[in-house]
Amino acid sequence: MNINENVNTLRPIYDFPLPFLEDDYGSRGLVYRAIISGSRVLDIGCDTGRFGEVLRIQKNCTVDGVEPYLPAAEVAQTRLNQVSYAQLIMKNPLTA
């Protein structure tokens, strides 16, 4: 299975509404509460832009995204202020 097929199978898991992040005590909720209203946010790996969309609507943030999967980037463009499609390459990936 190549990476695009793998990402495709995960897409429905990640593209869901996020309405109650103030009460979410997972990582998304922690990040949400740490971002100050009106901030400018760069979301690297923004996927379809759901998280950034919540920041734009609920916290009046300006959210730009970078996404390596073109179909997700196209959806994110409808949700974020600006989205760039870019394949990110790590020069020295971390090893376990």
PDB file of N, CA and C in Angstrom:
ATOM      1  N   MET A   1       0.856  -1.171   0.000  1.00  0.00           N
ATOM      2  CA  MET A   1       0.000   0.000   0.000  1.00  0.00           C
ATOM      3  C   MET A   1       0.905   1.239   0.000  1.00  0.00           C
ATOM      4  N   ASN A   2       0.695   2.164  -0.958  1.00  0.00           N
ATOM      5  CA  ASN A   2       1.498   3.376  -0.959  1.00  0.00           C
ATOM      6  C   ASN A   2       0.922   4.387   0.027  1.00  0.00           C
ATOM      7  N   ILE A   3       1.659   5.477   0.261  1.00  0.00           N
ATOM      8  CA  ILE A   3       1.249   6.439   1.292  1.00  0.00           C
ATOM      9  C   ILE A   3      -0.092   7.084   0.979  1.00  0.00           C
ATOM     10  N   ASN A   4      -0.378   7.383  -0.311  1.00  0.00           N
ATOM     11  CA  ASN A   4      -1.656   8.012  -0.644  1.00  0.00           C
ATOM     12  C   ASN A   4      -2.836   7.084  -0.366  1.00  0.00           C
ATOM     13  N   GLU A   5      -2.672   5.786  -0.621  1.00  0.00           N
ATOM     14  CA  GLU A   5      -3.741   4.836  -0.306  1.00  0.00           C
ATOM     15  C   GLU A   5      -3.947   4.765   1.202  1.00  0.00           C
ATOM     16  N   ASN A   6      -2.849   4.780   1.947  1.00  0.00           N
ATOM     17  CA  ASN A   6      -2.925   4.730   3.402  1.00  0.00           C
ATOM     18  C   ASN A   6      -3.640   5.962   3.945  1.00  0.00           C
ATOM     19  N   VAL A   7      -3.281   7.141   3.445  1.00  0.00           N
ATOM     20  CA  VAL A   7      -3.923   8.375   3.894  1.00  0.00           C
ATOM     21  C   VAL A   7      -5.405   8.348   3.543  1.00  0.00           C
ATOM     22  N   ASN A   8      -5.736   7.854   2.356  1.00  0.00           N
ATOM     23  CA  ASN A   8      -7.134   7.784   1.930  1.00  0.00           C
ATOM     24  C   ASN A   8      -7.978   6.955   2.887  1.00  0.00           C
ATOM     25  N   THR A   9      -7.435   5.867   3.387  1.00  0.00           N
ATOM     26  CA  THR A   9      -8.207   5.011   4.281  1.00  0.00           C
ATOM     27  C   THR A   9      -8.429   5.681   5.639  1.00  0.00           C
ATOM     28  N   LEU A  10      -7.548   6.622   6.018  1.00  0.00           N
ATOM     29  CA  LEU A  10      -7.683   7.297   7.301  1.00  0.00           C
ATOM     30  C   LEU A  10      -8.541   8.554   7.220  1.00  0.00           C
ATOM     31  N   ARG A  11      -8.755   9.096   6.051  1.00  0.00           N
ATOM     32  CA  ARG A  11      -9.435  10.385   5.877  1.00  0.00           C
ATOM     33  C   ARG A  11     -10.750  10.490   6.669  1.00  0.00           C
ATOM     34  N   PRO A  12     -11.661   9.521   6.625  1.00  0.00           N
ATOM     35  CA  PRO A  12     -12.913   9.682   7.386  1.00  0.00           C
ATOM     36  C   PRO A  12     -12.690   9.783   8.893  1.00  0.00           C
ATOM     37  N   ILE A  13     -11.604   9.240   9.390  1.00  0.00           N
ATOM     38  CA  ILE A  13     -11.315   9.302  10.818  1.00  0.00           C
ATOM     39  C   ILE A  13     -10.961  10.727  11.224  1.00  0.00           C
ATOM     40  N   TYR A  14     -10.292  11.459  10.327  1.00  0.00           N
ATOM     41  CA  TYR A  14      -9.813  12.793  10.673  1.00  0.00           C
ATOM     42  C   TYR A  14     -10.764  13.917  10.290  1.00  0.00           C
ATOM     43  N   ASP A  15     -11.644  13.712   9.343  1.00  0.00           N
ATOM     44  CA  ASP A  15     -12.506  14.787   8.868  1.00  0.00           C
ATOM     45  C   ASP A  15     -13.877  14.696   9.523  1.00  0.00           C
ATOM     46  N   PHE A  16     -13.959  15.184  10.742  1.00  0.00           N
ATOM     47  CA  PHE A  16     -15.212  15.163  11.480  1.00  0.00           C
ATOM     48  C   PHE A  16     -15.359  16.495  12.217  1.00  0.00           C
ATOM     49  N   PRO A  17     -16.572  16.908  12.519  1.00  0.00           N
ATOM     50  CA  PRO A  17     -16.781  18.181  13.222  1.00  0.00           C
ATOM     51  C   PRO A  17     -16.109  18.195  14.594  1.00  0.00           C
ATOM     52  N   LEU A  18     -15.614  19.353  14.987  1.00  0.00           N
ATOM     53  CA  LEU A  18     -14.937  19.520  16.274  1.00  0.00           C
ATOM     54  C   LEU A  18     -15.617  20.638  17.066  1.00  0.00           C
ATOM     55  N   PRO A  19     -16.847  20.455  17.510  1.00  0.00           N
ATOM     56  CA  PRO A  19     -17.576  21.579  18.097  1.00  0.00           C
ATOM     57  C   PRO A  19     -17.262  21.906  19.555  1.00  0.00           C
ATOM     58  N   PHE A  20     -16.730  20.991  20.345  1.00  0.00           N
ATOM     59  CA  PHE A  20     -16.601  21.218  21.787  1.00  0.00           C
ATOM     60  C   PHE A  20     -15.159  21.116  22.265  1.00  0.00           C
ATOM     61  N   LEU A  21     -14.244  21.794  21.602  1.00  0.00           N
ATOM     62  CA  LEU A  21     -12.840  21.679  21.961  1.00  0.00           C
ATOM     63  C   LEU A  21     -12.507  22.308  23.312  1.00  0.00           C
ATOM     64  N   GLU A  22     -13.290  23.252  23.748  1.00  0.00           N
ATOM     65  CA  GLU A  22     -13.043  23.861  25.059  1.00  0.00           C
ATOM     66  C   GLU A  22     -13.146  22.811  26.171  1.00  0.00           C
ATOM     67  N   ASP A  23     -13.985  21.793  25.970  1.00  0.00           N
ATOM     68  CA  ASP A  23     -14.178  20.733  26.960  1.00  0.00           C
ATOM     69  C   ASP A  23     -13.393  19.459  26.652  1.00  0.00           C
ATOM     70  N   ASP A  24     -12.595  19.478  25.575  1.00  0.00           N
ATOM     71  CA  ASP A  24     -11.824  18.301  25.159  1.00  0.00           C
ATOM     72  C   ASP A  24     -10.493  18.305  25.905  1.00  0.00           C
ATOM     73  N   TYR A  25     -10.200  17.232  26.634  1.00  0.00           N
ATOM     74  CA  TYR A  25      -8.952  17.169  27.380  1.00  0.00           C
ATOM     75  C   TYR A  25      -7.903  16.309  26.692  1.00  0.00           C
ATOM     76  N   GLY A  26      -8.113  16.039  25.396  1.00  0.00           N
ATOM     77  CA  GLY A  26      -7.097  15.402  24.572  1.00  0.00           C
ATOM     78  C   GLY A  26      -6.161  16.457  24.003  1.00  0.00           C
ATOM     79  N   SER A  27      -5.267  16.050  23.111  1.00  0.00           N
ATOM     80  CA  SER A  27      -4.272  16.971  22.568  1.00  0.00           C
ATOM     81  C   SER A  27      -4.899  18.126  21.795  1.00  0.00           C
ATOM     82  N   ARG A  28      -5.953  17.871  21.029  1.00  0.00           N
ATOM     83  CA  ARG A  28      -6.598  18.963  20.288  1.00  0.00           C
ATOM     84  C   ARG A  28      -7.154  20.023  21.231  1.00  0.00           C
ATOM     85  N   GLY A  29      -7.798  19.575  22.283  1.00  0.00           N
ATOM     86  CA  GLY A  29      -8.357  20.516  23.250  1.00  0.00           C
ATOM     87  C   GLY A  29      -7.287  21.331  23.952  1.00  0.00           C
ATOM     88  N   LEU A  30      -6.168  20.691  24.294  1.00  0.00           N
ATOM     89  CA  LEU A  30      -5.058  21.408  24.943  1.00  0.00           C
ATOM     90  C   LEU A  30      -4.501  22.490  24.018  1.00  0.00           C
ATOM     91  N   VAL A  31      -4.306  22.149  22.756  1.00  0.00           N
ATOM     92  CA  VAL A  31      -3.795  23.123  21.784  1.00  0.00           C
ATOM     93  C   VAL A  31      -4.822  24.234  21.580  1.00  0.00           C
ATOM     94  N   TYR A  32      -6.087  23.858  21.448  1.00  0.00           N
ATOM     95  CA  TYR A  32      -7.157  24.838  21.256  1.00  0.00           C
ATOM     96  C   TYR A  32      -7.150  25.872  22.386  1.00  0.00           C
ATOM     97  N   ARG A  33      -7.080  25.415  23.622  1.00  0.00           N
ATOM     98  CA  ARG A  33      -7.116  26.331  24.761  1.00  0.00           C
ATOM     99  C   ARG A  33      -5.854  27.192  24.851  1.00  0.00           C
ATOM    100  N   ALA A  34      -4.738  26.706  24.314  1.00  0.00           N
ATOM    101  CA  ALA A  34      -3.477  27.462  24.369  1.00  0.00           C
ATOM    102  C   ALA A  34      -3.424  28.593  23.344  1.00  0.00           C
ATOM    103  N   ILE A  35      -4.224  28.515  22.298  1.00  0.00           N
ATOM    104  CA  ILE A  35      -4.192  29.531  21.249  1.00  0.00           C
ATOM    105  C   ILE A  35      -5.063  30.714  21.661  1.00  0.00           C
ATOM    106  N   ILE A  36      -4.467  31.896  21.648  1.00  0.00           N
ATOM    107  CA  ILE A  36      -5.151  33.124  22.051  1.00  0.00           C
ATOM    108  C   ILE A  36      -6.058  33.595  20.916  1.00  0.00           C
ATOM    109  N   SER A  37      -7.239  34.043  21.263  1.00  0.00           N
ATOM    110  CA  SER A  37      -8.179  34.572  20.266  1.00  0.00           C
ATOM    111  C   SER A  37      -7.507  35.661  19.443  1.00  0.00           C
ATOM    112  N   GLY A  38      -7.774  35.639  18.136  1.00  0.00           N
ATOM    113  CA  GLY A  38      -7.208  36.623  17.222  1.00  0.00           C
ATOM    114  C   GLY A  38      -5.803  36.307  16.751  1.00  0.00           C
ATOM    115  N   SER A  39      -5.266  35.146  17.133  1.00  0.00           N
ATOM    116  CA  SER A  39      -3.908  34.770  16.735  1.00  0.00           C
ATOM    117  C   SER A  39      -3.827  34.465  15.247  1.00  0.00           C
ATOM    118  N   ARG A  40      -2.612  34.523  14.735  1.00  0.00           N
ATOM    119  CA  ARG A  40      -2.327  34.049  13.384  1.00  0.00           C
ATOM    120  C   ARG A  40      -1.683  32.672  13.558  1.00  0.00           C
ATOM    121  N   VAL A  41      -2.248  31.654  12.896  1.00  0.00           N
ATOM    122  CA  VAL A  41      -1.840  30.259  13.101  1.00  0.00           C
ATOM    123  C   VAL A  41      -1.385  29.652  11.781  1.00  0.00           C
ATOM    124  N   LEU A  42      -0.284  28.924  11.813  1.00  0.00           N
ATOM    125  CA  LEU A  42       0.169  28.144  10.663  1.00  0.00           C
ATOM    126  C   LEU A  42       0.003  26.678  11.030  1.00  0.00           C
ATOM    127  N   ASP A  43      -0.863  25.991  10.321  1.00  0.00           N
ATOM    128  CA  ASP A  43      -1.176  24.582  10.585  1.00  0.00           C
ATOM    129  C   ASP A  43      -0.447  23.717   9.554  1.00  0.00           C
ATOM    130  N   ILE A  44       0.659  23.124   9.970  1.00  0.00           N
ATOM    131  CA  ILE A  44       1.444  22.244   9.094  1.00  0.00           C
ATOM    132  C   ILE A  44       0.808  20.868   9.143  1.00  0.00           C
ATOM    133  N   GLY A  45       0.414  20.347   7.972  1.00  0.00           N
ATOM    134  CA  GLY A  45      -0.312  19.085   7.922  1.00  0.00           C
ATOM    135  C   GLY A  45      -1.755  19.315   8.325  1.00  0.00           C
ATOM    136  N   CYS A  46      -2.365  20.333   7.729  1.00  0.00           N
ATOM    137  CA  CYS A  46      -3.705  20.770   8.139  1.00  0.00           C
ATOM    138  C   CYS A  46      -4.818  19.808   7.739  1.00  0.00           C
ATOM    139  N   ASP A  47      -4.496  18.791   6.941  1.00  0.00           N
ATOM    140  CA  ASP A  47      -5.485  17.826   6.465  1.00  0.00           C
ATOM    141  C   ASP A  47      -6.611  18.592   5.771  1.00  0.00           C
ATOM    142  N   THR A  48      -7.851  18.383   6.131  1.00  0.00           N
ATOM    143  CA  THR A  48      -8.962  19.056   5.453  1.00  0.00           C
ATOM    144  C   THR A  48      -9.333  20.381   6.117  1.00  0.00           C
ATOM    145  N   GLY A  49      -8.557  20.813   7.099  1.00  0.00           N
ATOM    146  CA  GLY A  49      -8.754  22.117   7.708  1.00  0.00           C
ATOM    147  C   GLY A  49      -9.793  22.206   8.811  1.00  0.00           C
ATOM    148  N   ARG A  50     -10.231  21.081   9.336  1.00  0.00           N
ATOM    149  CA  ARG A  50     -11.273  21.116  10.375  1.00  0.00           C
ATOM    150  C   ARG A  50     -10.834  21.886  11.626  1.00  0.00           C
ATOM    151  N   PHE A  51      -9.641  21.597  12.117  1.00  0.00           N
ATOM    152  CA  PHE A  51      -9.174  22.253  13.339  1.00  0.00           C
ATOM    153  C   PHE A  51      -9.026  23.757  13.110  1.00  0.00           C
ATOM    154  N   GLY A  52      -8.415  24.126  11.993  1.00  0.00           N
ATOM    155  CA  GLY A  52      -8.247  25.542  11.677  1.00  0.00           C
ATOM    156  C   GLY A  52      -9.566  26.253  11.487  1.00  0.00           C
ATOM    157  N   GLU A  53     -10.538  25.556  10.930  1.00  0.00           N
ATOM    158  CA  GLU A  53     -11.873  26.133  10.746  1.00  0.00           C
ATOM    159  C   GLU A  53     -12.487  26.490  12.102  1.00  0.00           C
ATOM    160  N   VAL A  54     -12.327  25.622  13.077  1.00  0.00           N
ATOM    161  CA  VAL A  54     -12.838  25.896  14.422  1.00  0.00           C
ATOM    162  C   VAL A  54     -12.125  27.114  15.008  1.00  0.00           C
ATOM    163  N   LEU A  55     -10.807  27.200  14.811  1.00  0.00           N
ATOM    164  CA  LEU A  55     -10.069  28.357  15.310  1.00  0.00           C
ATOM    165  C   LEU A  55     -10.545  29.649  14.645  1.00  0.00           C
ATOM    166  N   ARG A  56     -10.804  29.600  13.348  1.00  0.00           N
ATOM    167  CA  ARG A  56     -11.292  30.786  12.635  1.00  0.00           C
ATOM    168  C   ARG A  56     -12.651  31.231  13.173  1.00  0.00           C
ATOM    169  N   ILE A  57     -13.554  30.278  13.332  1.00  0.00           N
ATOM    170  CA  ILE A  57     -14.930  30.604  13.724  1.00  0.00           C
ATOM    171  C   ILE A  57     -15.045  30.944  15.213  1.00  0.00           C
ATOM    172  N   GLN A  58     -14.459  30.103  16.063  1.00  0.00           N
ATOM    173  CA  GLN A  58     -14.672  30.272  17.500  1.00  0.00           C
ATOM    174  C   GLN A  58     -13.695  31.239  18.161  1.00  0.00           C
ATOM    175  N   LYS A  59     -12.496  31.410  17.563  1.00  0.00           N
ATOM    176  CA  LYS A  59     -11.485  32.264  18.199  1.00  0.00           C
ATOM    177  C   LYS A  59     -11.043  33.420  17.307  1.00  0.00           C
ATOM    178  N   ASN A  60     -11.725  33.592  16.180  1.00  0.00           N
ATOM    179  CA  ASN A  60     -11.419  34.694  15.269  1.00  0.00           C
ATOM    180  C   ASN A  60      -9.938  34.724  14.884  1.00  0.00           C
ATOM    181  N   CYS A  61      -9.351  33.547  14.649  1.00  0.00           N
ATOM    182  CA  CYS A  61      -7.946  33.443  14.248  1.00  0.00           C
ATOM    183  C   CYS A  61      -7.825  33.513  12.727  1.00  0.00           C
ATOM    184  N   THR A  62      -6.657  33.929  12.274  1.00  0.00           N
ATOM    185  CA  THR A  62      -6.292  33.817  10.866  1.00  0.00           C
ATOM    186  C   THR A  62      -5.497  32.528  10.763  1.00  0.00           C
ATOM    187  N   VAL A  63      -5.968  31.576   9.955  1.00  0.00           N
ATOM    188  CA  VAL A  63      -5.331  30.259   9.889  1.00  0.00           C
ATOM    189  C   VAL A  63      -4.907  29.952   8.459  1.00  0.00           C
ATOM    190  N   ASP A  64      -3.608  29.745   8.283  1.00  0.00           N
ATOM    191  CA  ASP A  64      -3.053  29.289   7.019  1.00  0.00           C
ATOM    192  C   ASP A  64      -2.599  27.853   7.217  1.00  0.00           C
ATOM    193  N   GLY A  65      -2.661  27.064   6.153  1.00  0.00           N
ATOM    194  CA  GLY A  65      -2.292  25.655   6.267  1.00  0.00           C
ATOM    195  C   GLY A  65      -1.345  25.208   5.176  1.00  0.00           C
ATOM    196  N   VAL A  66      -0.641  24.127   5.457  1.00  0.00           N
ATOM    197  CA  VAL A  66       0.202  23.427   4.489  1.00  0.00           C
ATOM    198  C   VAL A  66      -0.207  21.968   4.555  1.00  0.00           C
ATOM    199  N   GLU A  67      -0.519  21.385   3.400  1.00  0.00           N
ATOM    200  CA  GLU A  67      -1.003  19.999   3.363  1.00  0.00           C
ATOM    201  C   GLU A  67      -0.366  19.261   2.185  1.00  0.00           C
ATOM    202  N   PRO A  68       0.218  18.060   2.430  1.00  0.00           N
ATOM    203  CA  PRO A  68       0.866  17.309   1.361  1.00  0.00           C
ATOM    204  C   PRO A  68      -0.064  16.439   0.514  1.00  0.00           C
ATOM    205  N   TYR A  69      -1.315  16.301   0.903  1.00  0.00           N
ATOM    206  CA  TYR A  69      -2.257  15.450   0.177  1.00  0.00           C
ATOM    207  C   TYR A  69      -3.230  16.365  -0.564  1.00  0.00           C
ATOM    208  N   LEU A  70      -3.129  16.417  -1.894  1.00  0.00           N
ATOM    209  CA  LEU A  70      -3.859  17.385  -2.697  1.00  0.00           C
ATOM    210  C   LEU A  70      -5.372  17.384  -2.462  1.00  0.00           C
ATOM    211  N   PRO A  71      -6.065  16.239  -2.448  1.00  0.00           N
ATOM    212  CA  PRO A  71      -7.511  16.291  -2.207  1.00  0.00           C
ATOM    213  C   PRO A  71      -7.863  16.926  -0.855  1.00  0.00           C
ATOM    214  N   ALA A  72      -7.068  16.663   0.168  1.00  0.00           N
ATOM    215  CA  ALA A  72      -7.318  17.276   1.479  1.00  0.00           C
ATOM    216  C   ALA A  72      -7.037  18.773   1.420  1.00  0.00           C
ATOM    217  N   ALA A  73      -5.976  19.179   0.721  1.00  0.00           N
ATOM    218  CA  ALA A  73      -5.638  20.599   0.587  1.00  0.00           C
ATOM    219  C   ALA A  73      -6.759  21.355  -0.114  1.00  0.00           C
ATOM    220  N   GLU A  74      -7.376  20.725  -1.108  1.00  0.00           N
ATOM    221  CA  GLU A  74      -8.475  21.371  -1.831  1.00  0.00           C
ATOM    222  C   GLU A  74      -9.666  21.612  -0.912  1.00  0.00           C
ATOM    223  N   VAL A  75      -9.953  20.675  -0.026  1.00  0.00           N
ATOM    224  CA  VAL A  75     -11.045  20.868   0.943  1.00  0.00           C
ATOM    225  C   VAL A  75     -10.645  21.947   1.948  1.00  0.00           C
ATOM    226  N   ALA A  76      -9.401  21.904   2.417  1.00  0.00           N
ATOM    227  CA  ALA A  76      -8.931  22.882   3.400  1.00  0.00           C
ATOM    228  C   ALA A  76      -9.018  24.310   2.862  1.00  0.00           C
ATOM    229  N   GLN A  77      -8.856  24.481   1.564  1.00  0.00           N
ATOM    230  CA  GLN A  77      -8.950  25.824   0.972  1.00  0.00           C
ATOM    231  C   GLN A  77     -10.321  26.447   1.180  1.00  0.00           C
ATOM    232  N   THR A  78     -11.331  25.628   1.376  1.00  0.00           N
ATOM    233  CA  THR A  78     -12.677  26.157   1.617  1.00  0.00           C
ATOM    234  C   THR A  78     -12.890  26.507   3.087  1.00  0.00           C
ATOM    235  N   ARG A  79     -11.949  26.114   3.968  1.00  0.00           N
ATOM    236  CA  ARG A  79     -12.123  26.295   5.403  1.00  0.00           C
ATOM    237  C   ARG A  79     -11.124  27.259   6.035  1.00  0.00           C
ATOM    238  N   LEU A  80      -9.948  27.393   5.426  1.00  0.00           N
ATOM    239  CA  LEU A  80      -8.884  28.215   6.001  1.00  0.00           C
ATOM    240  C   LEU A  80      -8.677  29.478   5.175  1.00  0.00           C
ATOM    241  N   ASN A  81      -7.885  30.406   5.718  1.00  0.00           N
ATOM    242  CA  ASN A  81      -7.621  31.641   5.004  1.00  0.00           C
ATOM    243  C   ASN A  81      -6.782  31.398   3.751  1.00  0.00           C
ATOM    244  N   GLN A  82      -5.766  30.570   3.877  1.00  0.00           N
ATOM    245  CA  GLN A  82      -4.885  30.271   2.752  1.00  0.00           C
ATOM    246  C   GLN A  82      -4.290  28.886   2.977  1.00  0.00           C
ATOM    247  N   VAL A  83      -4.169  28.105   1.897  1.00  0.00           N
ATOM    248  CA  VAL A  83      -3.609  26.754   2.007  1.00  0.00           C
ATOM    249  C   VAL A  83      -2.597  26.551   0.888  1.00  0.00           C
ATOM    250  N   SER A  84      -1.456  25.970   1.248  1.00  0.00           N
ATOM    251  CA  SER A  84      -0.442  25.606   0.263  1.00  0.00           C
ATOM    252  C   SER A  84      -0.361  24.096   0.193  1.00  0.00           C
ATOM    253  N   TYR A  85      -0.303  23.589  -1.027  1.00  0.00           N
ATOM    254  CA  TYR A  85      -0.095  22.153  -1.244  1.00  0.00           C
ATOM    255  C   TYR A  85       1.401  21.962  -1.389  1.00  0.00           C
ATOM    256  N   ALA A  86       1.996  21.174  -0.517  1.00  0.00           N
ATOM    257  CA  ALA A  86       3.444  20.968  -0.569  1.00  0.00           C
ATOM    258  C   ALA A  86       3.798  19.609  -0.006  1.00  0.00           C
ATOM    259  N   GLN A  87       4.659  18.914  -0.714  1.00  0.00           N
ATOM    260  CA  GLN A  87       5.224  17.667  -0.209  1.00  0.00           C
ATOM    261  C   GLN A  87       6.387  18.033   0.698  1.00  0.00           C
ATOM    262  N   LEU A  88       6.297  17.700   1.957  1.00  0.00           N
ATOM    263  CA  LEU A  88       7.335  18.030   2.921  1.00  0.00           C
ATOM    264  C   LEU A  88       8.321  16.882   3.015  1.00  0.00           C
ATOM    265  N   ILE A  89       9.595  17.196   2.925  1.00  0.00           N
ATOM    266  CA  ILE A  89      10.631  16.172   2.970  1.00  0.00           C
ATOM    267  C   ILE A  89      11.525  16.456   4.166  1.00  0.00           C
ATOM    268  N   MET A  90      11.683  15.452   5.010  1.00  0.00           N
ATOM    269  CA  MET A  90      12.551  15.595   6.179  1.00  0.00           C
ATOM    270  C   MET A  90      13.957  15.165   5.800  1.00  0.00           C
ATOM    271  N   LYS A  91      14.946  16.026   6.034  1.00  0.00           N
ATOM    272  CA  LYS A  91      16.325  15.693   5.726  1.00  0.00           C
ATOM    273  C   LYS A  91      16.873  14.634   6.698  1.00  0.00           C
ATOM    274  N   ASN A  92      16.551  14.793   7.972  1.00  0.00           N
ATOM    275  CA  ASN A  92      17.051  13.884   8.999  1.00  0.00           C
ATOM    276  C   ASN A  92      15.876  13.378   9.830  1.00  0.00           C
ATOM    277  N   PRO A  93      15.102  12.442   9.286  1.00  0.00           N
ATOM    278  CA  PRO A  93      13.922  11.972  10.049  1.00  0.00           C
ATOM    279  C   PRO A  93      14.356  11.339  11.373  1.00  0.00           C
ATOM    280  N   LEU A  94      13.520  11.530  12.359  1.00  0.00           N
ATOM    281  CA  LEU A  94      13.779  10.937  13.666  1.00  0.00           C
ATOM    282  C   LEU A  94      13.624   9.433  13.583  1.00  0.00           C
ATOM    283  N   THR A  95      14.412   8.736  14.317  1.00  0.00           N
ATOM    284  CA  THR A  95      14.303   7.279  14.360  1.00  0.00           C
ATOM    285  C   THR A  95      13.947   6.859  15.776  1.00  0.00           C
ATOM    286  N   ALA A  96      13.228   5.755  15.859  1.00  0.00           N
ATOM    287  CA  ALA A  96      12.809   5.269  17.177  1.00  0.00           C
ATOM    288  C   ALA A  96      13.918   4.516  17.847  1.00  0.00           C
TER     289      ALA A  96
END
